[in-house]
PDB file of N, CA and C in Angstrom:
ATOM      1  N   GLY A   1      30.080 -65.953  34.407  1.00  0.00           N
ATOM      2  CA  GLY A   1      30.993 -65.043  35.050  1.00  0.00           C
ATOM      3  C   GLY A   1      31.523 -64.013  34.073  1.00  0.00           C
ATOM      4  N   ALA A   2      32.524 -63.318  34.531  1.00  0.00           N
ATOM      5  CA  ALA A   2      33.131 -62.234  33.753  1.00  0.00           C
ATOM      6  C   ALA A   2      33.734 -62.742  32.447  1.00  0.00           C
ATOM      7  N   ALA A   3      34.401 -63.884  32.492  1.00  0.00           N
ATOM      8  CA  ALA A   3      35.027 -64.425  31.282  1.00  0.00           C
ATOM      9  C   ALA A   3      33.978 -64.762  30.227  1.00  0.00           C
ATOM     10  N   ALA A   4      32.861 -65.317  30.648  1.00  0.00           N
ATOM     11  CA  ALA A   4      31.784 -65.657  29.701  1.00  0.00           C
ATOM     12  C   ALA A   4      31.186 -64.400  29.085  1.00  0.00           C
ATOM     13  N   ARG A   5      31.008 -63.346  29.896  1.00  0.00           N
ATOM     14  CA  ARG A   5      30.468 -62.089  29.350  1.00  0.00           C
ATOM     15  C   ARG A   5      31.424 -61.502  28.313  1.00  0.00           C
ATOM     16  N   GLU A   6      32.711 -61.541  28.613  1.00  0.00           N
ATOM     17  CA  GLU A   6      33.679 -60.989  27.661  1.00  0.00           C
ATOM     18  C   GLU A   6      33.715 -61.829  26.391  1.00  0.00           C
ATOM     19  N   GLU A   7      33.652 -63.128  26.520  1.00  0.00           N
ATOM     20  CA  GLU A   7      33.644 -64.011  25.345  1.00  0.00           C
ATOM     21  C   GLU A   7      32.428 -63.716  24.466  1.00  0.00           C
ATOM     22  N   THR A   8      31.282 -63.530  25.087  1.00  0.00           N
ATOM     23  CA  THR A   8      30.065 -63.197  24.337  1.00  0.00           C
ATOM     24  C   THR A   8      30.239 -61.869  23.608  1.00  0.00           C
ATOM     25  N   ALA A   9      30.777 -60.870  24.297  1.00  0.00           N
ATOM     26  CA  ALA A   9      30.972 -59.551  23.687  1.00  0.00           C
ATOM     27  C   ALA A   9      31.907 -59.631  22.487  1.00  0.00           C
ATOM     28  N   ARG A  10      32.894 -60.480  22.551  1.00  0.00           N
ATOM     29  CA  ARG A  10      33.849 -60.603  21.443  1.00  0.00           C
ATOM     30  C   ARG A  10      33.194 -61.208  20.188  1.00  0.00           C
ATOM     31  N   ARG A  11      32.044 -61.796  20.327  1.00  0.00           N
ATOM     32  CA  ARG A  11      31.318 -62.357  19.176  1.00  0.00           C
ATOM     33  C   ARG A  11      30.459 -61.313  18.465  1.00  0.00           C
ATOM     34  N   TRP A  12      30.181 -60.212  19.113  1.00  0.00           N
ATOM     35  CA  TRP A  12      29.285 -59.205  18.550  1.00  0.00           C
ATOM     36  C   TRP A  12      29.706 -58.704  17.174  1.00  0.00           C
ATOM     37  N   PRO A  13      30.975 -58.308  16.962  1.00  0.00           N
ATOM     38  CA  PRO A  13      31.330 -57.761  15.640  1.00  0.00           C
ATOM     39  C   PRO A  13      31.055 -58.739  14.487  1.00  0.00           C
ATOM     40  N   ALA A  14      31.324 -60.010  14.697  1.00  0.00           N
ATOM     41  CA  ALA A  14      31.076 -61.002  13.638  1.00  0.00           C
ATOM     42  C   ALA A  14      29.597 -61.133  13.319  1.00  0.00           C
ATOM     43  N   LEU A  15      28.762 -60.770  14.280  1.00  0.00           N
ATOM     44  CA  LEU A  15      27.318 -60.828  14.079  1.00  0.00           C
ATOM     45  C   LEU A  15      26.753 -59.494  13.588  1.00  0.00           C
ATOM     46  N   GLY A  16      27.645 -58.531  13.368  1.00  0.00           N
ATOM     47  CA  GLY A  16      27.204 -57.218  12.910  1.00  0.00           C
ATOM     48  C   GLY A  16      26.548 -56.397  14.009  1.00  0.00           C
ATOM     49  N   MET A  17      26.847 -56.715  15.236  1.00  0.00           N
ATOM     50  CA  MET A  17      26.220 -56.024  16.369  1.00  0.00           C
ATOM     51  C   MET A  17      27.166 -54.990  16.981  1.00  0.00           C
ATOM     52  N   ARG A  18      26.566 -53.888  17.422  1.00  0.00           N
ATOM     53  CA  ARG A  18      27.315 -52.910  18.211  1.00  0.00           C
ATOM     54  C   ARG A  18      27.177 -53.310  19.672  1.00  0.00           C
ATOM     55  N   GLY A  19      28.255 -53.180  20.399  1.00  0.00           N
ATOM     56  CA  GLY A  19      28.210 -53.533  21.813  1.00  0.00           C
ATOM     57  C   GLY A  19      28.275 -52.306  22.699  1.00  0.00           C
ATOM     58  N   PHE A  20      27.559 -52.358  23.796  1.00  0.00           N
ATOM     59  CA  PHE A  20      27.566 -51.281  24.785  1.00  0.00           C
ATOM     60  C   PHE A  20      27.742 -51.884  26.167  1.00  0.00           C
ATOM     61  N   GLY A  21      28.570 -51.247  26.941  1.00  0.00           N
ATOM     62  CA  GLY A  21      28.743 -51.653  28.333  1.00  0.00           C
ATOM     63  C   GLY A  21      28.305 -50.513  29.223  1.00  0.00           C
ATOM     64  N   LEU A  22      27.529 -50.820  30.226  1.00  0.00           N
ATOM     65  CA  LEU A  22      27.052 -49.794  31.151  1.00  0.00           C
ATOM     66  C   LEU A  22      27.835 -49.888  32.444  1.00  0.00           C
ATOM     67  N   ARG A  23      28.614 -48.850  32.711  1.00  0.00           N
ATOM     68  CA  ARG A  23      29.340 -48.823  33.979  1.00  0.00           C
ATOM     69  C   ARG A  23      28.341 -48.862  35.119  1.00  0.00           C
ATOM     70  N   ARG A  24      28.708 -49.553  36.137  1.00  0.00           N
ATOM     71  CA  ARG A  24      27.815 -49.694  37.282  1.00  0.00           C
ATOM     72  C   ARG A  24      27.753 -48.398  38.065  1.00  0.00           C
ATOM     73  N   GLY A  25      26.548 -47.941  38.327  1.00  0.00           N
ATOM     74  CA  GLY A  25      26.363 -46.775  39.165  1.00  0.00           C
ATOM     75  C   GLY A  25      26.110 -47.153  40.608  1.00  0.00           C
ATOM     76  N   ARG A  26      26.032 -48.443  40.863  1.00  0.00           N
ATOM     77  CA  ARG A  26      25.696 -48.936  42.204  1.00  0.00           C
ATOM     78  C   ARG A  26      26.615 -48.318  43.250  1.00  0.00           C
ATOM     79  N   VAL A  27      26.022 -47.731  44.242  1.00  0.00           N
ATOM     80  CA  VAL A  27      26.786 -46.990  45.231  1.00  0.00           C
ATOM     81  C   VAL A  27      26.959 -47.757  46.534  1.00  0.00           C
ATOM     82  N   LEU A  28      25.863 -48.135  47.131  1.00  0.00           N
ATOM     83  CA  LEU A  28      25.907 -48.693  48.481  1.00  0.00           C
ATOM     84  C   LEU A  28      25.208 -50.040  48.559  1.00  0.00           C
ATOM     85  N   PRO A  29      25.962 -51.136  48.600  1.00  0.00           N
ATOM     86  CA  PRO A  29      25.304 -52.423  48.794  1.00  0.00           C
ATOM     87  C   PRO A  29      24.460 -52.391  50.073  1.00  0.00           C
ATOM     88  N   GLY A  30      23.243 -52.867  49.964  1.00  0.00           N
ATOM     89  CA  GLY A  30      22.357 -52.897  51.118  1.00  0.00           C
ATOM     90  C   GLY A  30      21.517 -51.649  51.321  1.00  0.00           C
ATOM     91  N   PHE A  31      21.735 -50.612  50.500  1.00  0.00           N
ATOM     92  CA  PHE A  31      20.953 -49.390  50.657  1.00  0.00           C
ATOM     93  C   PHE A  31      19.514 -49.636  50.234  1.00  0.00           C
ATOM     94  N   GLY A  32      18.589 -49.013  50.931  1.00  0.00           N
ATOM     95  CA  GLY A  32      17.181 -49.047  50.550  1.00  0.00           C
ATOM     96  C   GLY A  32      16.540 -47.742  50.962  1.00  0.00           C
ATOM     97  N   ALA A  33      15.937 -47.040  50.014  1.00  0.00           N
ATOM     98  CA  ALA A  33      15.328 -45.739  50.309  1.00  0.00           C
ATOM     99  C   ALA A  33      14.247 -45.865  51.374  1.00  0.00           C
ATOM    100  N   ALA A  34      13.433 -46.917  51.299  1.00  0.00           N
ATOM    101  CA  ALA A  34      12.357 -47.082  52.287  1.00  0.00           C
ATOM    102  C   ALA A  34      12.921 -47.300  53.685  1.00  0.00           C
ATOM    103  N   ARG A  35      13.971 -48.106  53.780  1.00  0.00           N
ATOM    104  CA  ARG A  35      14.596 -48.362  55.084  1.00  0.00           C
ATOM    105  C   ARG A  35      15.210 -47.084  55.643  1.00  0.00           C
ATOM    106  N   ALA A  36      15.875 -46.316  54.773  1.00  0.00           N
ATOM    107  CA  ALA A  36      16.492 -45.059  55.222  1.00  0.00           C
ATOM    108  C   ALA A  36      15.430 -44.091  55.728  1.00  0.00           C
ATOM    109  N   ALA A  37      14.327 -43.971  54.997  1.00  0.00           N
ATOM    110  CA  ALA A  37      13.254 -43.069  55.407  1.00  0.00           C
ATOM    111  C   ALA A  37      12.618 -43.539  56.714  1.00  0.00           C
ATOM    112  N   SER A  38      12.400 -44.828  56.844  1.00  0.00           N
ATOM    113  CA  SER A  38      11.799 -45.378  58.050  1.00  0.00           C
ATOM    114  C   SER A  38      12.673 -45.101  59.270  1.00  0.00           C
ATOM    115  N   ARG A  39      13.965 -45.326  59.127  1.00  0.00           N
ATOM    116  CA  ARG A  39      14.876 -45.043  60.240  1.00  0.00           C
ATOM    117  C   ARG A  39      14.843 -43.571  60.616  1.00  0.00           C
ATOM    118  N   ALA A  40      14.845 -42.708  59.602  1.00  0.00           N
ATOM    119  CA  ALA A  40      14.840 -41.267  59.874  1.00  0.00           C
ATOM    120  C   ALA A  40      13.572 -40.862  60.614  1.00  0.00           C
ATOM    121  N   LEU A  41      12.429 -41.388  60.186  1.00  0.00           N
ATOM    122  CA  LEU A  41      11.155 -41.052  60.829  1.00  0.00           C
ATOM    123  C   LEU A  41      11.063 -41.578  62.253  1.00  0.00           C
ATOM    124  N   GLN A  42      11.722 -42.685  62.509  1.00  0.00           N
ATOM    125  CA  GLN A  42      11.675 -43.280  63.840  1.00  0.00           C
ATOM    126  C   GLN A  42      12.804 -42.786  64.745  1.00  0.00           C
ATOM    127  N   GLY A  43      13.633 -41.896  64.219  1.00  0.00           N
ATOM    128  CA  GLY A  43      14.732 -41.366  65.017  1.00  0.00           C
ATOM    129  C   GLY A  43      15.853 -42.362  65.217  1.00  0.00           C
ATOM    130  N   GLY A  44      15.923 -43.360  64.359  1.00  0.00           N
ATOM    131  CA  GLY A  44      16.972 -44.369  64.467  1.00  0.00           C
ATOM    132  C   GLY A  44      18.282 -43.884  63.876  1.00  0.00           C
ATOM    133  N   ALA A  45      19.266 -44.755  63.945  1.00  0.00           N
ATOM    134  CA  ALA A  45      20.583 -44.430  63.398  1.00  0.00           C
ATOM    135  C   ALA A  45      20.461 -44.167  61.899  1.00  0.00           C
ATOM    136  N   PRO A  46      21.109 -43.126  61.419  1.00  0.00           N
ATOM    137  CA  PRO A  46      21.023 -42.822  59.985  1.00  0.00           C
ATOM    138  C   PRO A  46      21.662 -43.918  59.135  1.00  0.00           C
ATOM    139  N   VAL A  47      21.145 -44.075  57.955  1.00  0.00           N
ATOM    140  CA  VAL A  47      21.672 -45.029  56.984  1.00  0.00           C
ATOM    141  C   VAL A  47      22.692 -44.284  56.132  1.00  0.00           C
ATOM    142  N   ALA A  48      23.822 -44.911  55.872  1.00  0.00           N
ATOM    143  CA  ALA A  48      24.830 -44.289  55.013  1.00  0.00           C
ATOM    144  C   ALA A  48      24.231 -44.041  53.631  1.00  0.00           C
ATOM    145  N   THR A  49      24.462 -42.860  53.094  1.00  0.00           N
ATOM    146  CA  THR A  49      23.913 -42.526  51.777  1.00  0.00           C
ATOM    147  C   THR A  49      24.998 -42.132  50.777  1.00  0.00           C
ATOM    148  N   SER A  50      26.267 -42.294  51.141  1.00  0.00           N
ATOM    149  CA  SER A  50      27.334 -42.032  50.187  1.00  0.00           C
ATOM    150  C   SER A  50      28.564 -42.842  50.560  1.00  0.00           C
ATOM    151  N   VAL A  51      29.453 -42.960  49.595  1.00  0.00           N
ATOM    152  CA  VAL A  51      30.709 -43.679  49.762  1.00  0.00           C
ATOM    153  C   VAL A  51      31.745 -42.946  48.921  1.00  0.00           C
ATOM    154  N   SER A  52      33.014 -43.066  49.259  1.00  0.00           N
ATOM    155  CA  SER A  52      34.044 -42.381  48.472  1.00  0.00           C
ATOM    156  C   SER A  52      34.041 -42.912  47.039  1.00  0.00           C
ATOM    157  N   ARG A  53      34.416 -42.050  46.109  1.00  0.00           N
ATOM    158  CA  ARG A  53      34.488 -42.462  44.693  1.00  0.00           C
ATOM    159  C   ARG A  53      35.465 -43.622  44.545  1.00  0.00           C
ATOM    160  N   GLY A  54      36.551 -43.577  45.294  1.00  0.00           N
ATOM    161  CA  GLY A  54      37.533 -44.668  45.238  1.00  0.00           C
ATOM    162  C   GLY A  54      36.935 -46.000  45.652  1.00  0.00           C
ATOM    163  N   ALA A  55      36.142 -45.999  46.728  1.00  0.00           N
ATOM    164  CA  ALA A  55      35.510 -47.233  47.190  1.00  0.00           C
ATOM    165  C   ALA A  55      34.487 -47.726  46.171  1.00  0.00           C
ATOM    166  N   ALA A  56      33.721 -46.802  45.599  1.00  0.00           N
ATOM    167  CA  ALA A  56      32.735 -47.184  44.584  1.00  0.00           C
ATOM    168  C   ALA A  56      33.437 -47.786  43.368  1.00  0.00           C
ATOM    169  N   ASP A  57      34.523 -47.161  42.922  1.00  0.00           N
ATOM    170  CA  ASP A  57      35.260 -47.666  41.764  1.00  0.00           C
ATOM    171  C   ASP A  57      35.907 -49.021  42.057  1.00  0.00           C
ATOM    172  N   ALA A  58      36.395 -49.205  43.287  1.00  0.00           N
ATOM    173  CA  ALA A  58      37.038 -50.468  43.655  1.00  0.00           C
ATOM    174  C   ALA A  58      36.057 -51.633  43.560  1.00  0.00           C
ATOM    175  N   ARG A  59      34.788 -51.384  43.879  1.00  0.00           N
ATOM    176  CA  ARG A  59      33.774 -52.452  43.824  1.00  0.00           C
ATOM    177  C   ARG A  59      33.591 -53.006  42.415  1.00  0.00           C
ATOM    178  N   VAL A  60      33.855 -52.190  41.416  1.00  0.00           N
ATOM    179  CA  VAL A  60      33.609 -52.609  40.035  1.00  0.00           C
ATOM    180  C   VAL A  60      34.895 -52.678  39.206  1.00  0.00           C
ATOM    181  N   ALA A  61      36.039 -52.810  39.872  1.00  0.00           N
ATOM    182  CA  ALA A  61      37.329 -52.784  39.177  1.00  0.00           C
ATOM    183  C   ALA A  61      37.455 -53.879  38.125  1.00  0.00           C
ATOM    184  N   ALA A  62      37.020 -55.088  38.424  1.00  0.00           N
ATOM    185  CA  ALA A  62      37.146 -56.179  37.453  1.00  0.00           C
ATOM    186  C   ALA A  62      36.301 -55.909  36.215  1.00  0.00           C
ATOM    187  N   LEU A  63      35.089 -55.411  36.406  1.00  0.00           N
ATOM    188  CA  LEU A  63      34.224 -55.072  35.284  1.00  0.00           C
ATOM    189  C   LEU A  63      34.834 -53.934  34.472  1.00  0.00           C
ATOM    190  N   GLU A  64      35.415 -52.955  35.149  1.00  0.00           N
ATOM    191  CA  GLU A  64      36.066 -51.837  34.453  1.00  0.00           C
ATOM    192  C   GLU A  64      37.207 -52.325  33.575  1.00  0.00           C
ATOM    193  N   ALA A  65      37.966 -53.300  34.050  1.00  0.00           N
ATOM    194  CA  ALA A  65      39.079 -53.834  33.257  1.00  0.00           C
ATOM    195  C   ALA A  65      38.552 -54.490  31.978  1.00  0.00           C
ATOM    196  N   THR A  66      37.452 -55.214  32.093  1.00  0.00           N
ATOM    197  CA  THR A  66      36.838 -55.829  30.912  1.00  0.00           C
ATOM    198  C   THR A  66      36.355 -54.757  29.943  1.00  0.00           C
ATOM    199  N   PHE A  67      35.671 -53.747  30.463  1.00  0.00           N
ATOM    200  CA  PHE A  67      35.196 -52.653  29.607  1.00  0.00           C
ATOM    201  C   PHE A  67      36.362 -51.965  28.906  1.00  0.00           C
ATOM    202  N   ALA A  68      37.447 -51.737  29.612  1.00  0.00           N
ATOM    203  CA  ALA A  68      38.613 -51.063  29.021  1.00  0.00           C
ATOM    204  C   ALA A  68      39.168 -51.869  27.854  1.00  0.00           C
ATOM    205  N   ARG A  69      39.280 -53.184  28.017  1.00  0.00           N
ATOM    206  CA  ARG A  69      39.781 -54.030  26.927  1.00  0.00           C
ATOM    207  C   ARG A  69      38.845 -53.985  25.722  1.00  0.00           C
ATOM    208  N   LEU A  70      37.556 -54.138  25.963  1.00  0.00           N
ATOM    209  CA  LEU A  70      36.590 -54.155  24.859  1.00  0.00           C
ATOM    210  C   LEU A  70      36.525 -52.801  24.150  1.00  0.00           C
ATOM    211  N   ALA A  71      36.598 -51.726  24.903  1.00  0.00           N
ATOM    212  CA  ALA A  71      36.573 -50.388  24.292  1.00  0.00           C
ATOM    213  C   ALA A  71      37.845 -50.143  23.487  1.00  0.00           C
ATOM    214  N   ALA A  72      38.994 -50.537  24.035  1.00  0.00           N
ATOM    215  CA  ALA A  72      40.268 -50.327  23.334  1.00  0.00           C
ATOM    216  C   ALA A  72      40.308 -51.077  22.009  1.00  0.00           C
ATOM    217  N   GLU A  73      39.636 -52.196  21.947  1.00  0.00           N
ATOM    218  CA  GLU A  73      39.603 -52.993  20.726  1.00  0.00           C
ATOM    219  C   GLU A  73      38.445 -52.610  19.808  1.00  0.00           C
ATOM    220  N   GLY A  74      37.670 -51.605  20.195  1.00  0.00           N
ATOM    221  CA  GLY A  74      36.562 -51.147  19.369  1.00  0.00           C
ATOM    222  C   GLY A  74      35.370 -52.087  19.369  1.00  0.00           C
ATOM    223  N   ILE A  75      35.299 -52.981  20.337  1.00  0.00           N
ATOM    224  CA  ILE A  75      34.208 -53.956  20.399  1.00  0.00           C
ATOM    225  C   ILE A  75      32.978 -53.380  21.085  1.00  0.00           C
ATOM    226  N   ALA A  76      33.202 -52.509  22.053  1.00  0.00           N
ATOM    227  CA  ALA A  76      32.074 -51.961  22.818  1.00  0.00           C
ATOM    228  C   ALA A  76      32.297 -50.480  23.114  1.00  0.00           C
ATOM    229  N   THR A  77      31.210 -49.759  23.180  1.00  0.00           N
ATOM    230  CA  THR A  77      31.200 -48.371  23.652  1.00  0.00           C
ATOM    231  C   THR A  77      30.742 -48.420  25.098  1.00  0.00           C
ATOM    232  N   VAL A  78      31.485 -47.754  25.956  1.00  0.00           N
ATOM    233  CA  VAL A  78      31.157 -47.782  27.383  1.00  0.00           C
ATOM    234  C   VAL A  78      30.305 -46.560  27.724  1.00  0.00           C
ATOM    235  N   LEU A  79      29.162 -46.815  28.324  1.00  0.00           N
ATOM    236  CA  LEU A  79      28.248 -45.765  28.771  1.00  0.00           C
ATOM    237  C   LEU A  79      28.505 -45.541  30.259  1.00  0.00           C
ATOM    238  N   ASP A  80      28.664 -44.297  30.640  1.00  0.00           N
ATOM    239  CA  ASP A  80      29.082 -44.002  32.008  1.00  0.00           C
ATOM    240  C   ASP A  80      28.085 -43.106  32.742  1.00  0.00           C
ATOM    241  N   PRO A  81      27.254 -43.675  33.612  1.00  0.00           N
ATOM    242  CA  PRO A  81      26.283 -42.883  34.369  1.00  0.00           C
ATOM    243  C   PRO A  81      26.834 -42.335  35.684  1.00  0.00           C
ATOM    244  N   ARG A  82      28.097 -42.623  35.985  1.00  0.00           N
ATOM    245  CA  ARG A  82      28.612 -42.300  37.319  1.00  0.00           C
ATOM    246  C   ARG A  82      28.554 -40.827  37.673  1.00  0.00           C
ATOM    247  N   GLU A  83      28.704 -39.945  36.693  1.00  0.00           N
ATOM    248  CA  GLU A  83      28.676 -38.522  37.030  1.00  0.00           C
ATOM    249  C   GLU A  83      27.334 -38.092  37.607  1.00  0.00           C
ATOM    250  N   ARG A  84      26.289 -38.832  37.301  1.00  0.00           N
ATOM    251  CA  ARG A  84      24.966 -38.527  37.880  1.00  0.00           C
ATOM    252  C   ARG A  84      24.934 -38.863  39.369  1.00  0.00           C
ATOM    253  N   PHE A  85      25.748 -39.836  39.771  1.00  0.00           N
ATOM    254  CA  PHE A  85      25.730 -40.316  41.146  1.00  0.00           C
ATOM    255  C   PHE A  85      26.898 -39.806  41.989  1.00  0.00           C
ATOM    256  N   CYS A  86      27.944 -39.347  41.351  1.00  0.00           N
ATOM    257  CA  CYS A  86      29.152 -38.954  42.083  1.00  0.00           C
ATOM    258  C   CYS A  86      29.438 -37.469  41.916  1.00  0.00           C
ATOM    259  N   ARG A  87      29.774 -36.826  43.025  1.00  0.00           N
ATOM    260  CA  ARG A  87      30.179 -35.424  43.008  1.00  0.00           C
ATOM    261  C   ARG A  87      31.093 -35.188  44.205  1.00  0.00           C
ATOM    262  N   ALA A  88      32.042 -34.304  44.025  1.00  0.00           N
ATOM    263  CA  ALA A  88      32.972 -33.915  45.092  1.00  0.00           C
ATOM    264  C   ALA A  88      33.665 -35.129  45.723  1.00  0.00           C
ATOM    265  N   GLY A  89      34.055 -36.088  44.886  1.00  0.00           N
ATOM    266  CA  GLY A  89      34.817 -37.227  45.376  1.00  0.00           C
ATOM    267  C   GLY A  89      34.018 -38.305  46.090  1.00  0.00           C
ATOM    268  N   ARG A  90      32.693 -38.181  46.079  1.00  0.00           N
ATOM    269  CA  ARG A  90      31.840 -39.179  46.739  1.00  0.00           C
ATOM    270  C   ARG A  90      30.732 -39.598  45.782  1.00  0.00           C
ATOM    271  N   CYS A  91      30.258 -40.817  45.941  1.00  0.00           N
ATOM    272  CA  CYS A  91      29.127 -41.316  45.160  1.00  0.00           C
ATOM    273  C   CYS A  91      27.947 -41.448  46.108  1.00  0.00           C
ATOM    274  N   HIS A  92      26.792 -40.979  45.648  1.00  0.00           N
ATOM    275  CA  HIS A  92      25.641 -40.785  46.519  1.00  0.00           C
ATOM    276  C   HIS A  92      24.426 -41.605  46.113  1.00  0.00           C
ATOM    277  N   ALA A  93      23.648 -41.987  47.111  1.00  0.00           N
ATOM    278  CA  ALA A  93      22.378 -42.658  46.874  1.00  0.00           C
ATOM    279  C   ALA A  93      21.229 -41.648  46.865  1.00  0.00           C
ATOM    280  N   LEU A  94      21.528 -40.392  47.224  1.00  0.00           N
ATOM    281  CA  LEU A  94      20.547 -39.308  47.211  1.00  0.00           C
ATOM    282  C   LEU A  94      21.076 -38.202  46.310  1.00  0.00           C
ATOM    283  N   ASP A  95      20.191 -37.468  45.649  1.00  0.00           N
ATOM    284  CA  ASP A  95      20.641 -36.361  44.812  1.00  0.00           C
ATOM    285  C   ASP A  95      20.942 -35.136  45.683  1.00  0.00           C
ATOM    286  N   ALA A  96      21.347 -34.053  45.056  1.00  0.00           N
ATOM    287  CA  ALA A  96      21.730 -32.845  45.793  1.00  0.00           C
ATOM    288  C   ALA A  96      20.586 -32.265  46.617  1.00  0.00           C
ATOM    289  N   GLU A  97      19.344 -32.565  46.243  1.00  0.00           N
ATOM    290  CA  GLU A  97      18.179 -32.076  46.997  1.00  0.00           C
ATOM    291  C   GLU A  97      17.732 -33.074  48.064  1.00  0.00           C
ATOM    292  N   GLY A  98      18.436 -34.199  48.192  1.00  0.00           N
ATOM    293  CA  GLY A  98      18.090 -35.191  49.196  1.00  0.00           C
ATOM    294  C   GLY A  98      17.078 -36.223  48.751  1.00  0.00           C
ATOM    295  N   LEU A  99      16.742 -36.237  47.462  1.00  0.00           N
ATOM    296  CA  LEU A  99      15.797 -37.227  46.938  1.00  0.00           C
ATOM    297  C   LEU A  99      16.552 -38.495  46.548  1.00  0.00           C
ATOM    298  N   PRO A 100      15.940 -39.662  46.750  1.00  0.00           N
ATOM    299  CA  PRO A 100      16.643 -40.916  46.442  1.00  0.00           C
ATOM    300  C   PRO A 100      16.932 -41.079  44.955  1.00  0.00           C
ATOM    301  N   LEU A 101      18.136 -41.556  44.668  1.00  0.00           N
ATOM    302  CA  LEU A 101      18.517 -41.940  43.312  1.00  0.00           C
ATOM    303  C   LEU A 101      18.276 -43.440  43.112  1.00  0.00           C
ATOM    304  N   TYR A 102      18.258 -44.179  44.218  1.00  0.00           N
ATOM    305  CA  TYR A 102      18.040 -45.624  44.206  1.00  0.00           C
ATOM    306  C   TYR A 102      16.857 -45.959  45.091  1.00  0.00           C
ATOM    307  N   PHE A 103      16.081 -46.996  44.718  1.00  0.00           N
ATOM    308  CA  PHE A 103      15.062 -47.450  45.659  1.00  0.00           C
ATOM    309  C   PHE A 103      15.537 -48.691  46.395  1.00  0.00           C
ATOM    310  N   ASP A 104      16.576 -49.348  45.890  1.00  0.00           N
ATOM    311  CA  ASP A 104      17.272 -50.389  46.649  1.00  0.00           C
ATOM    312  C   ASP A 104      18.741 -50.295  46.266  1.00  0.00           C
ATOM    313  N   ASP A 105      19.537 -51.283  46.591  1.00  0.00           N
ATOM    314  CA  ASP A 105      20.977 -51.140  46.367  1.00  0.00           C
ATOM    315  C   ASP A 105      21.417 -51.339  44.923  1.00  0.00           C
ATOM    316  N   ASN A 106      20.494 -51.628  44.015  1.00  0.00           N
ATOM    317  CA  ASN A 106      20.899 -51.906  42.643  1.00  0.00           C
ATOM    318  C   ASN A 106      19.967 -51.332  41.581  1.00  0.00           C
ATOM    319  N   HIS A 107      18.869 -50.700  41.981  1.00  0.00           N
ATOM    320  CA  HIS A 107      17.887 -50.199  41.016  1.00  0.00           C
ATOM    321  C   HIS A 107      17.621 -48.730  41.258  1.00  0.00           C
ATOM    322  N   VAL A 108      17.753 -47.943  40.189  1.00  0.00           N
ATOM    323  CA  VAL A 108      17.535 -46.506  40.312  1.00  0.00           C
ATOM    324  C   VAL A 108      16.051 -46.178  40.321  1.00  0.00           C
ATOM    325  N   THR A 109      15.739 -45.033  40.890  1.00  0.00           N
ATOM    326  CA  THR A 109      14.360 -44.555  40.897  1.00  0.00           C
ATOM    327  C   THR A 109      13.976 -44.090  39.490  1.00  0.00           C
ATOM    328  N   THR A 110      12.705 -43.896  39.268  1.00  0.00           N
ATOM    329  CA  THR A 110      12.227 -43.431  37.963  1.00  0.00           C
ATOM    330  C   THR A 110      12.835 -42.081  37.617  1.00  0.00           C
ATOM    331  N   SER A 111      12.896 -41.166  38.579  1.00  0.00           N
ATOM    332  CA  SER A 111      13.472 -39.840  38.287  1.00  0.00           C
ATOM    333  C   SER A 111      14.956 -39.946  37.963  1.00  0.00           C
ATOM    334  N   ALA A 112      15.678 -40.815  38.643  1.00  0.00           N
ATOM    335  CA  ALA A 112      17.096 -41.002  38.327  1.00  0.00           C
ATOM    336  C   ALA A 112      17.250 -41.609  36.933  1.00  0.00           C
ATOM    337  N   ALA A 113      16.396 -42.572  36.592  1.00  0.00           N
ATOM    338  CA  ALA A 113      16.456 -43.186  35.261  1.00  0.00           C
ATOM    339  C   ALA A 113      16.227 -42.141  34.174  1.00  0.00           C
ATOM    340  N   ARG A 114      15.250 -41.278  34.384  1.00  0.00           N
ATOM    341  CA  ARG A 114      14.986 -40.227  33.385  1.00  0.00           C
ATOM    342  C   ARG A 114      16.193 -39.301  33.223  1.00  0.00           C
ATOM    343  N   SER A 115      16.867 -39.011  34.316  1.00  0.00           N
ATOM    344  CA  SER A 115      18.017 -38.107  34.245  1.00  0.00           C
ATOM    345  C   SER A 115      19.200 -38.746  33.517  1.00  0.00           C
ATOM    346  N   LEU A 116      19.169 -40.065  33.363  1.00  0.00           N
ATOM    347  CA  LEU A 116      20.254 -40.773  32.682  1.00  0.00           C
ATOM    348  C   LEU A 116      20.051 -40.863  31.168  1.00  0.00           C
ATOM    349  N   ALA A 117      18.952 -40.351  30.654  1.00  0.00           N
ATOM    350  CA  ALA A 117      18.666 -40.455  29.221  1.00  0.00           C
ATOM    351  C   ALA A 117      19.836 -40.011  28.342  1.00  0.00           C
ATOM    352  N   PRO A 118      20.519 -38.904  28.632  1.00  0.00           N
ATOM    353  CA  PRO A 118      21.637 -38.510  27.769  1.00  0.00           C
ATOM    354  C   PRO A 118      22.771 -39.534  27.721  1.00  0.00           C
ATOM    355  N   VAL A 119      22.951 -40.296  28.774  1.00  0.00           N
ATOM    356  CA  VAL A 119      23.997 -41.319  28.806  1.00  0.00           C
ATOM    357  C   VAL A 119      23.749 -42.372  27.719  1.00  0.00           C
ATOM    358  N   PHE A 120      22.464 -42.624  27.430  1.00  0.00           N
ATOM    359  CA  PHE A 120      22.109 -43.668  26.478  1.00  0.00           C
ATOM    360  C   PHE A 120      22.013 -43.168  25.037  1.00  0.00           C
ATOM    361  N   ALA A 121      22.273 -41.912  24.786  1.00  0.00           N
ATOM    362  CA  ALA A 121      22.189 -41.363  23.428  1.00  0.00           C
ATOM    363  C   ALA A 121      22.999 -42.156  22.405  1.00  0.00           C
ATOM    364  N   PRO A 122      24.218 -42.614  22.730  1.00  0.00           N
ATOM    365  CA  PRO A 122      24.974 -43.391  21.728  1.00  0.00           C
ATOM    366  C   PRO A 122      24.285 -44.685  21.288  1.00  0.00           C
ATOM    367  N   VAL A 123      23.459 -45.245  22.129  1.00  0.00           N
ATOM    368  CA  VAL A 123      22.769 -46.491  21.782  1.00  0.00           C
ATOM    369  C   VAL A 123      21.810 -46.258  20.613  1.00  0.00           C
ATOM    370  N   PHE A 124      21.229 -45.076  20.575  1.00  0.00           N
ATOM    371  CA  PHE A 124      20.215 -44.780  19.563  1.00  0.00           C
ATOM    372  C   PHE A 124      20.737 -43.988  18.381  1.00  0.00           C
ATOM    373  N   ALA A 125      22.042 -43.709  18.390  1.00  0.00           N
ATOM    374  CA  ALA A 125      22.651 -42.997  17.264  1.00  0.00           C
ATOM    375  C   ALA A 125      22.749 -43.939  16.064  1.00  0.00           C
ATOM    376  N   PRO A 126      22.644 -43.381  14.855  1.00  0.00           N
ATOM    377  CA  PRO A 126      22.729 -44.247  13.651  1.00  0.00           C
ATOM    378  C   PRO A 126      24.087 -44.904  13.501  1.00  0.00           C
TER     379      PRO A 126
END
């Protein structure tokens, strides 16, 4: 659970390790690009493709609290991909051109992953 993850992270400095936490970009539990496309092609009810930023943040509040503690203590650097998924107060499963950012509710598409490369720059810094 969360307590075990935090305990593990607190051991990193003694091991000479840098820690990184990746904020969750997960937008819509249950979203699937294939299901959304299938419904659209069949004229079915549309699948939700966005949620308010507040709702998205609320889903990961406990993890955010852990990240805040670890970052404040200098144990971990927090990597934040949310700006890639959120704009105008909403977090989206599709980009501005309507292309999927996720292929299911927890895994980003290859194009979305490539667009996140700058977020990971601190991991590879000396």
